[in-house]
């Protein structure tokens, strides 16, 4: 019985030593086969093939590496995505501009009249105070509130002239036919030769002044500013509706007052 027990112990000891050796041998064979398989495409390539125009073949034999078509597609998508993102960022920045407040500098602008004469704000303020009236312009029709406000200012032409100020009205809207629509506004108004009507095609001025009313059938928030000879705003009124317009009498009182009005 003792001999049988000793033989069993010896057998278990031999098996314990043999199993790890067999496992290592099997693993080594697998590694060898894998290396041999993966190295075959590279072994069959010359140096010129590896570095030349056919080098994409090498990339296609490597698992996990994108092929040329995938890389090209990703490369083409990146500029388009970056460009769209940049356009959105620029648009958001322009739309986020804040309207000028009393005491702040009025942003510079250069706009053109109906006869293509350039009007620059700094040139006007170098001579006199400026009454800047931003109309709704052309939202797809002639705004009756704008027509009424323009008539009101025209009726007070002589008083504005006596105060020595320059009246400028801005007519915003889509660029197509904007000049013709603005000309319609002036009909039957006896437009004073000292009043300026300037165009804002595609809302460049409106956006710079933070007045873009970005909604269907809308253009700009109707607004009125008085800008001093130093370029600073001394009066401002911005309407968030079609009405609520500043009358000429209100502007004239603000010009005569030494206290800035809101």
C-alpha atoms as a PDB file:
ATOM      1  CA  UNK A   1       0.000   0.000   0.000  1.00  0.00           C
ATOM      2  CA  UNK A   2       2.833   2.372   0.854  1.00  0.00           C
ATOM      3  CA  UNK A   3       4.467   1.732  -2.513  1.00  0.00           C
ATOM      4  CA  UNK A   4       1.194   2.481  -4.309  1.00  0.00           C
ATOM      5  CA  UNK A   5       0.822   5.726  -2.397  1.00  0.00           C
ATOM      6  CA  UNK A   6       4.386   6.782  -3.244  1.00  0.00           C
ATOM      7  CA  UNK A   7       3.779   6.034  -6.951  1.00  0.00           C
ATOM      8  CA  UNK A   8       0.632   8.198  -6.959  1.00  0.00           C
ATOM      9  CA  UNK A   9       2.510  11.116  -5.395  1.00  0.00           C
ATOM     10  CA  UNK A  10       5.261  10.747  -7.978  1.00  0.00           C
ATOM     11  CA  UNK A  11       2.739  10.712 -10.822  1.00  0.00           C
ATOM     12  CA  UNK A  12       1.044  13.889  -9.602  1.00  0.00           C
ATOM     13  CA  UNK A  13       4.422  15.605  -9.276  1.00  0.00           C
ATOM     14  CA  UNK A  14       5.354  14.686 -12.860  1.00  0.00           C
ATOM     15  CA  UNK A  15       2.023  16.010 -14.167  1.00  0.00           C
ATOM     16  CA  UNK A  16       2.406  19.252 -12.232  1.00  0.00           C
ATOM     17  CA  UNK A  17       5.752  19.862 -13.912  1.00  0.00           C
ATOM     18  CA  UNK A  18       4.659  18.785 -17.376  1.00  0.00           C
ATOM     19  CA  UNK A  19       1.478  20.895 -17.713  1.00  0.00           C
ATOM     20  CA  UNK A  20       3.175  24.346 -17.517  1.00  0.00           C
ATOM     21  CA  UNK A  21       5.806  23.227 -20.017  1.00  0.00           C
ATOM     22  CA  UNK A  22       3.143  22.093 -22.462  1.00  0.00           C
ATOM     23  CA  UNK A  23       1.208  25.361 -22.104  1.00  0.00           C
ATOM     24  CA  UNK A  24       4.325  27.449 -22.737  1.00  0.00           C
ATOM     25  CA  UNK A  25       5.142  25.410 -25.804  1.00  0.00           C
ATOM     26  CA  UNK A  26       1.655  25.937 -27.233  1.00  0.00           C
ATOM     27  CA  UNK A  27       1.791  29.705 -26.582  1.00  0.00           C
ATOM     28  CA  UNK A  28       5.165  29.969 -28.253  1.00  0.00           C
ATOM     29  CA  UNK A  29       3.805  28.254 -31.336  1.00  0.00           C
ATOM     30  CA  UNK A  30       0.880  30.656 -31.556  1.00  0.00           C
ATOM     31  CA  UNK A  31       3.154  33.708 -31.287  1.00  0.00           C
ATOM     32  CA  UNK A  32       5.440  32.306 -33.983  1.00  0.00           C
ATOM     33  CA  UNK A  33       2.532  31.663 -36.347  1.00  0.00           C
ATOM     34  CA  UNK A  34       1.119  35.155 -35.777  1.00  0.00           C
ATOM     35  CA  UNK A  35       4.453  36.847 -36.421  1.00  0.00           C
ATOM     36  CA  UNK A  36       5.011  34.814 -39.532  1.00  0.00           C
ATOM     37  CA  UNK A  37       1.554  35.607 -40.914  1.00  0.00           C
ATOM     38  CA  UNK A  38       1.785  39.381 -40.273  1.00  0.00           C
ATOM     39  CA  UNK A  39       5.309  39.668 -41.593  1.00  0.00           C
ATOM     40  CA  UNK A  40       4.588  38.049 -44.950  1.00  0.00           C
ATOM     41  CA  UNK A  41       3.152  41.181 -46.703  1.00  0.00           C
ATOM     42  CA  UNK A  42       6.031  43.307 -45.463  1.00  0.00           C
ATOM     43  CA  UNK A  43       8.608  40.699 -46.403  1.00  0.00           C
ATOM     44  CA  UNK A  44       7.342  40.737 -49.976  1.00  0.00           C
ATOM     45  CA  UNK A  45       7.684  44.533 -50.341  1.00  0.00           C
ATOM     46  CA  UNK A  46      10.761  46.392 -51.550  1.00  0.00           C
ATOM     47  CA  UNK A  47      12.053  49.596 -50.005  1.00  0.00           C
ATOM     48  CA  UNK A  48      10.630  51.589 -52.915  1.00  0.00           C
ATOM     49  CA  UNK A  49       7.221  50.024 -52.431  1.00  0.00           C
ATOM     50  CA  UNK A  50       7.228  50.779 -48.718  1.00  0.00           C
ATOM     51  CA  UNK A  51       8.081  54.474 -49.263  1.00  0.00           C
ATOM     52  CA  UNK A  52       6.523  55.028 -52.669  1.00  0.00           C
ATOM     53  CA  UNK A  53       3.026  55.576 -53.965  1.00  0.00           C
ATOM     54  CA  UNK A  54       2.061  51.984 -53.066  1.00  0.00           C
ATOM     55  CA  UNK A  55       2.809  52.468 -49.382  1.00  0.00           C
ATOM     56  CA  UNK A  56      -0.937  52.444 -48.732  1.00  0.00           C
ATOM     57  CA  UNK A  57      -0.758  48.648 -49.150  1.00  0.00           C
ATOM     58  CA  UNK A  58       1.208  48.461 -45.963  1.00  0.00           C
ATOM     59  CA  UNK A  59      -1.402  50.484 -44.146  1.00  0.00           C
ATOM     60  CA  UNK A  60      -4.158  48.180 -45.363  1.00  0.00           C
ATOM     61  CA  UNK A  61      -2.377  45.124 -43.899  1.00  0.00           C
ATOM     62  CA  UNK A  62      -2.185  46.631 -40.419  1.00  0.00           C
ATOM     63  CA  UNK A  63      -5.266  46.059 -38.314  1.00  0.00           C
ATOM     64  CA  UNK A  64      -6.799  49.089 -36.631  1.00  0.00           C
ATOM     65  CA  UNK A  65      -5.235  51.570 -39.080  1.00  0.00           C
ATOM     66  CA  UNK A  66      -7.656  53.610 -41.273  1.00  0.00           C
ATOM     67  CA  UNK A  67      -7.121  53.173 -44.992  1.00  0.00           C
ATOM     68  CA  UNK A  68      -6.443  56.038 -47.393  1.00  0.00           C
ATOM     69  CA  UNK A  69     -10.097  56.473 -48.333  1.00  0.00           C
ATOM     70  CA  UNK A  70     -11.174  56.834 -44.707  1.00  0.00           C
ATOM     71  CA  UNK A  71      -8.350  59.259 -43.998  1.00  0.00           C
ATOM     72  CA  UNK A  72      -9.218  61.294 -47.070  1.00  0.00           C
ATOM     73  CA  UNK A  73     -12.878  61.452 -46.104  1.00  0.00           C
ATOM     74  CA  UNK A  74     -12.023  62.544 -42.588  1.00  0.00           C
ATOM     75  CA  UNK A  75      -9.593  65.145 -43.917  1.00  0.00           C
ATOM     76  CA  UNK A  76     -12.214  66.555 -46.273  1.00  0.00           C
ATOM     77  CA  UNK A  77     -14.826  66.706 -43.545  1.00  0.00           C
ATOM     78  CA  UNK A  78     -12.618  68.605 -41.091  1.00  0.00           C
ATOM     79  CA  UNK A  79     -12.257  71.867 -43.089  1.00  0.00           C
ATOM     80  CA  UNK A  80     -15.972  71.905 -43.855  1.00  0.00           C
ATOM     81  CA  UNK A  81     -16.862  71.414 -40.211  1.00  0.00           C
ATOM     82  CA  UNK A  82     -14.352  74.036 -39.094  1.00  0.00           C
ATOM     83  CA  UNK A  83     -15.599  76.507 -41.710  1.00  0.00           C
ATOM     84  CA  UNK A  84     -19.228  76.080 -40.711  1.00  0.00           C
ATOM     85  CA  UNK A  85     -18.328  76.442 -37.053  1.00  0.00           C
ATOM     86  CA  UNK A  86     -16.337  79.601 -37.763  1.00  0.00           C
ATOM     87  CA  UNK A  87     -19.218  81.117 -39.769  1.00  0.00           C
ATOM     88  CA  UNK A  88     -21.606  80.429 -36.903  1.00  0.00           C
ATOM     89  CA  UNK A  89     -19.193  81.973 -34.416  1.00  0.00           C
ATOM     90  CA  UNK A  90     -18.821  85.142 -36.547  1.00  0.00           C
ATOM     91  CA  UNK A  91     -22.591  85.372 -37.017  1.00  0.00           C
ATOM     92  CA  UNK A  92     -23.188  84.919 -33.271  1.00  0.00           C
ATOM     93  CA  UNK A  93     -20.635  87.605 -32.457  1.00  0.00           C
ATOM     94  CA  UNK A  94     -22.234  90.084 -34.865  1.00  0.00           C
ATOM     95  CA  UNK A  95     -25.721  89.354 -33.563  1.00  0.00           C
ATOM     96  CA  UNK A  96     -24.474  89.677 -29.960  1.00  0.00           C
ATOM     97  CA  UNK A  97     -23.360  93.326 -30.421  1.00  0.00           C
ATOM     98  CA  UNK A  98     -24.983  95.637 -27.898  1.00  0.00           C
ATOM     99  CA  UNK A  99     -26.706  98.849 -28.982  1.00  0.00           C
ATOM    100  CA  UNK A 100     -24.778 102.012 -28.086  1.00  0.00           C
ATOM    101  CA  UNK A 101     -25.846 103.536 -24.781  1.00  0.00           C
ATOM    102  CA  UNK A 102     -25.862 107.129 -23.579  1.00  0.00           C
ATOM    103  CA  UNK A 103     -22.281 108.145 -22.815  1.00  0.00           C
ATOM    104  CA  UNK A 104     -20.697 105.502 -25.060  1.00  0.00           C
ATOM    105  CA  UNK A 105     -19.039 106.057 -28.412  1.00  0.00           C
ATOM    106  CA  UNK A 106     -21.292 105.506 -31.398  1.00  0.00           C
ATOM    107  CA  UNK A 107     -19.803 102.864 -33.703  1.00  0.00           C
ATOM    108  CA  UNK A 108     -18.361 104.267 -36.903  1.00  0.00           C
ATOM    109  CA  UNK A 109     -20.178 103.513 -40.125  1.00  0.00           C
ATOM    110  CA  UNK A 110     -20.071 104.368 -43.803  1.00  0.00           C
ATOM    111  CA  UNK A 111     -23.285 103.968 -45.790  1.00  0.00           C
ATOM    112  CA  UNK A 112     -24.445 105.177 -49.194  1.00  0.00           C
ATOM    113  CA  UNK A 113     -27.294 107.437 -50.234  1.00  0.00           C
ATOM    114  CA  UNK A 114     -29.669 106.732 -53.102  1.00  0.00           C
ATOM    115  CA  UNK A 115     -27.278 108.513 -55.480  1.00  0.00           C
ATOM    116  CA  UNK A 116     -24.327 106.406 -54.239  1.00  0.00           C
ATOM    117  CA  UNK A 117     -22.712 109.135 -52.154  1.00  0.00           C
ATOM    118  CA  UNK A 118     -20.792 107.775 -49.164  1.00  0.00           C
ATOM    119  CA  UNK A 119     -21.807 109.036 -45.738  1.00  0.00           C
ATOM    120  CA  UNK A 120     -19.408 108.474 -42.845  1.00  0.00           C
ATOM    121  CA  UNK A 121     -20.459 109.170 -39.284  1.00  0.00           C
ATOM    122  CA  UNK A 122     -17.173 110.740 -38.182  1.00  0.00           C
ATOM    123  CA  UNK A 123     -17.315 113.204 -41.082  1.00  0.00           C
ATOM    124  CA  UNK A 124     -20.772 114.325 -39.940  1.00  0.00           C
ATOM    125  CA  UNK A 125     -19.958 114.646 -36.224  1.00  0.00           C
ATOM    126  CA  UNK A 126     -16.896 116.711 -37.121  1.00  0.00           C
ATOM    127  CA  UNK A 127     -19.354 119.404 -38.252  1.00  0.00           C
ATOM    128  CA  UNK A 128     -22.412 119.048 -36.031  1.00  0.00           C
ATOM    129  CA  UNK A 129     -24.497 116.832 -33.803  1.00  0.00           C
ATOM    130  CA  UNK A 130     -26.239 113.986 -35.627  1.00  0.00           C
ATOM    131  CA  UNK A 131     -29.801 112.765 -35.242  1.00  0.00           C
ATOM    132  CA  UNK A 132     -29.687 109.127 -36.350  1.00  0.00           C
ATOM    133  CA  UNK A 133     -33.047 107.483 -37.030  1.00  0.00           C
ATOM    134  CA  UNK A 134     -33.057 103.764 -37.808  1.00  0.00           C
ATOM    135  CA  UNK A 135     -36.191 102.732 -39.685  1.00  0.00           C
ATOM    136  CA  UNK A 136     -37.561  99.254 -40.301  1.00  0.00           C
ATOM    137  CA  UNK A 137     -36.795  99.862 -43.954  1.00  0.00           C
ATOM    138  CA  UNK A 138     -38.056  97.086 -46.194  1.00  0.00           C
ATOM    139  CA  UNK A 139     -39.458  94.080 -44.288  1.00  0.00           C
ATOM    140  CA  UNK A 140     -41.361  93.143 -47.434  1.00  0.00           C
ATOM    141  CA  UNK A 141     -43.552  96.251 -47.472  1.00  0.00           C
ATOM    142  CA  UNK A 142     -43.410  99.957 -46.650  1.00  0.00           C
ATOM    143  CA  UNK A 143     -43.824 100.196 -42.885  1.00  0.00           C
ATOM    144  CA  UNK A 144     -46.651 102.661 -42.098  1.00  0.00           C
ATOM    145  CA  UNK A 145     -44.996 103.613 -38.808  1.00  0.00           C
ATOM    146  CA  UNK A 146     -41.793 104.528 -40.661  1.00  0.00           C
ATOM    147  CA  UNK A 147     -43.769 106.598 -43.161  1.00  0.00           C
ATOM    148  CA  UNK A 148     -45.494 108.468 -40.328  1.00  0.00           C
ATOM    149  CA  UNK A 149     -42.213 109.083 -38.481  1.00  0.00           C
ATOM    150  CA  UNK A 150     -40.497 110.351 -41.633  1.00  0.00           C
ATOM    151  CA  UNK A 151     -43.400 112.750 -42.309  1.00  0.00           C
ATOM    152  CA  UNK A 152     -43.133 114.025 -38.732  1.00  0.00           C
ATOM    153  CA  UNK A 153     -39.419 114.830 -39.047  1.00  0.00           C
ATOM    154  CA  UNK A 154     -39.913 116.474 -42.448  1.00  0.00           C
ATOM    155  CA  UNK A 155     -42.517 118.810 -40.960  1.00  0.00           C
ATOM    156  CA  UNK A 156     -39.902 119.972 -38.401  1.00  0.00           C
ATOM    157  CA  UNK A 157     -37.195 120.536 -40.993  1.00  0.00           C
ATOM    158  CA  UNK A 158     -36.732 124.213 -40.191  1.00  0.00           C
ATOM    159  CA  UNK A 159     -36.323 123.593 -36.464  1.00  0.00           C
ATOM    160  CA  UNK A 160     -33.640 120.968 -37.054  1.00  0.00           C
ATOM    161  CA  UNK A 161     -31.910 123.385 -39.411  1.00  0.00           C
ATOM    162  CA  UNK A 162     -32.044 126.139 -36.803  1.00  0.00           C
ATOM    163  CA  UNK A 163     -30.412 123.816 -34.268  1.00  0.00           C
ATOM    164  CA  UNK A 164     -27.654 123.120 -36.760  1.00  0.00           C
ATOM    165  CA  UNK A 165     -27.952 119.331 -36.597  1.00  0.00           C
ATOM    166  CA  UNK A 166     -27.709 116.689 -39.305  1.00  0.00           C
ATOM    167  CA  UNK A 167     -30.647 114.298 -39.642  1.00  0.00           C
ATOM    168  CA  UNK A 168     -29.751 110.842 -40.992  1.00  0.00           C
ATOM    169  CA  UNK A 169     -32.285 108.081 -41.564  1.00  0.00           C
ATOM    170  CA  UNK A 170     -31.162 104.485 -42.159  1.00  0.00           C
ATOM    171  CA  UNK A 171     -33.199 102.233 -44.444  1.00  0.00           C
ATOM    172  CA  UNK A 172     -32.244  98.549 -43.873  1.00  0.00           C
ATOM    173  CA  UNK A 173     -33.345  95.494 -45.795  1.00  0.00           C
ATOM    174  CA  UNK A 174     -32.289  92.796 -48.275  1.00  0.00           C
ATOM    175  CA  UNK A 175     -29.903  94.170 -50.897  1.00  0.00           C
ATOM    176  CA  UNK A 176     -32.085  93.255 -53.871  1.00  0.00           C
ATOM    177  CA  UNK A 177     -34.088  96.308 -55.010  1.00  0.00           C
ATOM    178  CA  UNK A 178     -33.459  98.070 -51.687  1.00  0.00           C
ATOM    179  CA  UNK A 179     -32.675 101.353 -53.435  1.00  0.00           C
ATOM    180  CA  UNK A 180     -35.977 101.265 -55.338  1.00  0.00           C
ATOM    181  CA  UNK A 181     -37.926 100.563 -52.159  1.00  0.00           C
ATOM    182  CA  UNK A 182     -36.190 103.425 -50.360  1.00  0.00           C
ATOM    183  CA  UNK A 183     -37.052 105.764 -53.231  1.00  0.00           C
ATOM    184  CA  UNK A 184     -40.712 104.840 -52.759  1.00  0.00           C
ATOM    185  CA  UNK A 185     -40.499 105.978 -49.134  1.00  0.00           C
ATOM    186  CA  UNK A 186     -39.467 109.478 -50.244  1.00  0.00           C
ATOM    187  CA  UNK A 187     -42.341 109.970 -52.642  1.00  0.00           C
ATOM    188  CA  UNK A 188     -44.748 112.787 -51.723  1.00  0.00           C
ATOM    189  CA  UNK A 189     -42.710 113.785 -48.672  1.00  0.00           C
ATOM    190  CA  UNK A 190     -40.912 116.894 -49.981  1.00  0.00           C
ATOM    191  CA  UNK A 191     -37.714 115.380 -48.659  1.00  0.00           C
ATOM    192  CA  UNK A 192     -35.434 118.165 -47.339  1.00  0.00           C
ATOM    193  CA  UNK A 193     -32.140 118.482 -49.147  1.00  0.00           C
ATOM    194  CA  UNK A 194     -30.329 118.621 -45.803  1.00  0.00           C
ATOM    195  CA  UNK A 195     -31.795 115.284 -44.632  1.00  0.00           C
ATOM    196  CA  UNK A 196     -29.870 112.146 -45.515  1.00  0.00           C
ATOM    197  CA  UNK A 197     -31.432 108.771 -46.278  1.00  0.00           C
ATOM    198  CA  UNK A 198     -28.825 105.994 -46.380  1.00  0.00           C
ATOM    199  CA  UNK A 199     -29.152 102.322 -47.259  1.00  0.00           C
ATOM    200  CA  UNK A 200     -28.185  99.350 -45.109  1.00  0.00           C
ATOM    201  CA  UNK A 201     -28.184  96.398 -47.524  1.00  0.00           C
ATOM    202  CA  UNK A 202     -28.098  93.010 -45.785  1.00  0.00           C
ATOM    203  CA  UNK A 203     -28.003  94.648 -42.340  1.00  0.00           C
ATOM    204  CA  UNK A 204     -24.274  95.309 -41.896  1.00  0.00           C
ATOM    205  CA  UNK A 205     -24.950  98.552 -40.025  1.00  0.00           C
ATOM    206  CA  UNK A 206     -27.955  97.111 -38.170  1.00  0.00           C
ATOM    207  CA  UNK A 207     -25.909  94.201 -36.827  1.00  0.00           C
ATOM    208  CA  UNK A 208     -22.974  96.412 -35.855  1.00  0.00           C
ATOM    209  CA  UNK A 209     -25.352  98.558 -33.796  1.00  0.00           C
ATOM    210  CA  UNK A 210     -26.988  95.502 -32.190  1.00  0.00           C
ATOM    211  CA  UNK A 211     -30.374  96.363 -33.703  1.00  0.00           C
ATOM    212  CA  UNK A 212     -31.032  93.318 -35.897  1.00  0.00           C
ATOM    213  CA  UNK A 213     -34.605  92.123 -35.445  1.00  0.00           C
ATOM    214  CA  UNK A 214     -34.002  88.548 -36.548  1.00  0.00           C
ATOM    215  CA  UNK A 215     -37.532  87.279 -37.144  1.00  0.00           C
ATOM    216  CA  UNK A 216     -39.717  86.628 -40.205  1.00  0.00           C
ATOM    217  CA  UNK A 217     -40.783  89.849 -41.939  1.00  0.00           C
ATOM    218  CA  UNK A 218     -38.529  91.922 -39.662  1.00  0.00           C
ATOM    219  CA  UNK A 219     -35.386  93.948 -40.277  1.00  0.00           C
ATOM    220  CA  UNK A 220     -34.234  96.259 -37.483  1.00  0.00           C
ATOM    221  CA  UNK A 221     -35.537  97.537 -34.171  1.00  0.00           C
ATOM    222  CA  UNK A 222     -36.678 101.102 -34.942  1.00  0.00           C
ATOM    223  CA  UNK A 223     -34.386 103.398 -33.006  1.00  0.00           C
ATOM    224  CA  UNK A 224     -33.381 107.017 -32.575  1.00  0.00           C
ATOM    225  CA  UNK A 225     -30.007 108.329 -31.403  1.00  0.00           C
ATOM    226  CA  UNK A 226     -28.494 111.765 -30.926  1.00  0.00           C
ATOM    227  CA  UNK A 227     -24.731 111.692 -31.352  1.00  0.00           C
ATOM    228  CA  UNK A 228     -22.578 114.586 -30.149  1.00  0.00           C
ATOM    229  CA  UNK A 229     -19.660 116.165 -31.949  1.00  0.00           C
ATOM    230  CA  UNK A 230     -17.354 114.079 -29.765  1.00  0.00           C
ATOM    231  CA  UNK A 231     -18.905 110.921 -31.211  1.00  0.00           C
ATOM    232  CA  UNK A 232     -20.691 109.979 -27.995  1.00  0.00           C
ATOM    233  CA  UNK A 233     -24.358 109.100 -27.688  1.00  0.00           C
ATOM    234  CA  UNK A 234     -26.325 111.749 -25.764  1.00  0.00           C
ATOM    235  CA  UNK A 235     -29.798 110.325 -26.423  1.00  0.00           C
ATOM    236  CA  UNK A 236     -31.080 106.891 -27.359  1.00  0.00           C
ATOM    237  CA  UNK A 237     -34.417 105.178 -27.721  1.00  0.00           C
ATOM    238  CA  UNK A 238     -34.862 101.632 -29.036  1.00  0.00           C
ATOM    239  CA  UNK A 239     -38.304 100.221 -29.728  1.00  0.00           C
ATOM    240  CA  UNK A 240     -38.915  96.479 -29.618  1.00  0.00           C
ATOM    241  CA  UNK A 241     -42.178  96.891 -31.501  1.00  0.00           C
ATOM    242  CA  UNK A 242     -43.374  98.495 -34.727  1.00  0.00           C
ATOM    243  CA  UNK A 243     -44.687 101.566 -32.951  1.00  0.00           C
ATOM    244  CA  UNK A 244     -43.268 103.430 -29.950  1.00  0.00           C
ATOM    245  CA  UNK A 245     -41.414 105.850 -32.233  1.00  0.00           C
ATOM    246  CA  UNK A 246     -39.635 108.971 -31.053  1.00  0.00           C
ATOM    247  CA  UNK A 247     -41.306 112.141 -32.310  1.00  0.00           C
ATOM    248  CA  UNK A 248     -39.433 115.100 -33.709  1.00  0.00           C
ATOM    249  CA  UNK A 249     -40.545 117.292 -30.772  1.00  0.00           C
ATOM    250  CA  UNK A 250     -38.917 114.887 -28.316  1.00  0.00           C
ATOM    251  CA  UNK A 251     -35.637 114.974 -30.212  1.00  0.00           C
ATOM    252  CA  UNK A 252     -35.682 118.781 -30.418  1.00  0.00           C
ATOM    253  CA  UNK A 253     -36.254 119.052 -26.665  1.00  0.00           C
ATOM    254  CA  UNK A 254     -33.357 116.673 -26.047  1.00  0.00           C
ATOM    255  CA  UNK A 255     -31.130 118.797 -28.279  1.00  0.00           C
ATOM    256  CA  UNK A 256     -32.081 121.942 -26.357  1.00  0.00           C
ATOM    257  CA  UNK A 257     -31.564 120.318 -22.972  1.00  0.00           C
ATOM    258  CA  UNK A 258     -28.247 120.250 -21.201  1.00  0.00           C
ATOM    259  CA  UNK A 259     -29.268 117.086 -19.336  1.00  0.00           C
ATOM    260  CA  UNK A 260     -28.946 113.809 -21.352  1.00  0.00           C
ATOM    261  CA  UNK A 261     -32.347 112.192 -21.784  1.00  0.00           C
ATOM    262  CA  UNK A 262     -33.203 108.469 -22.036  1.00  0.00           C
END
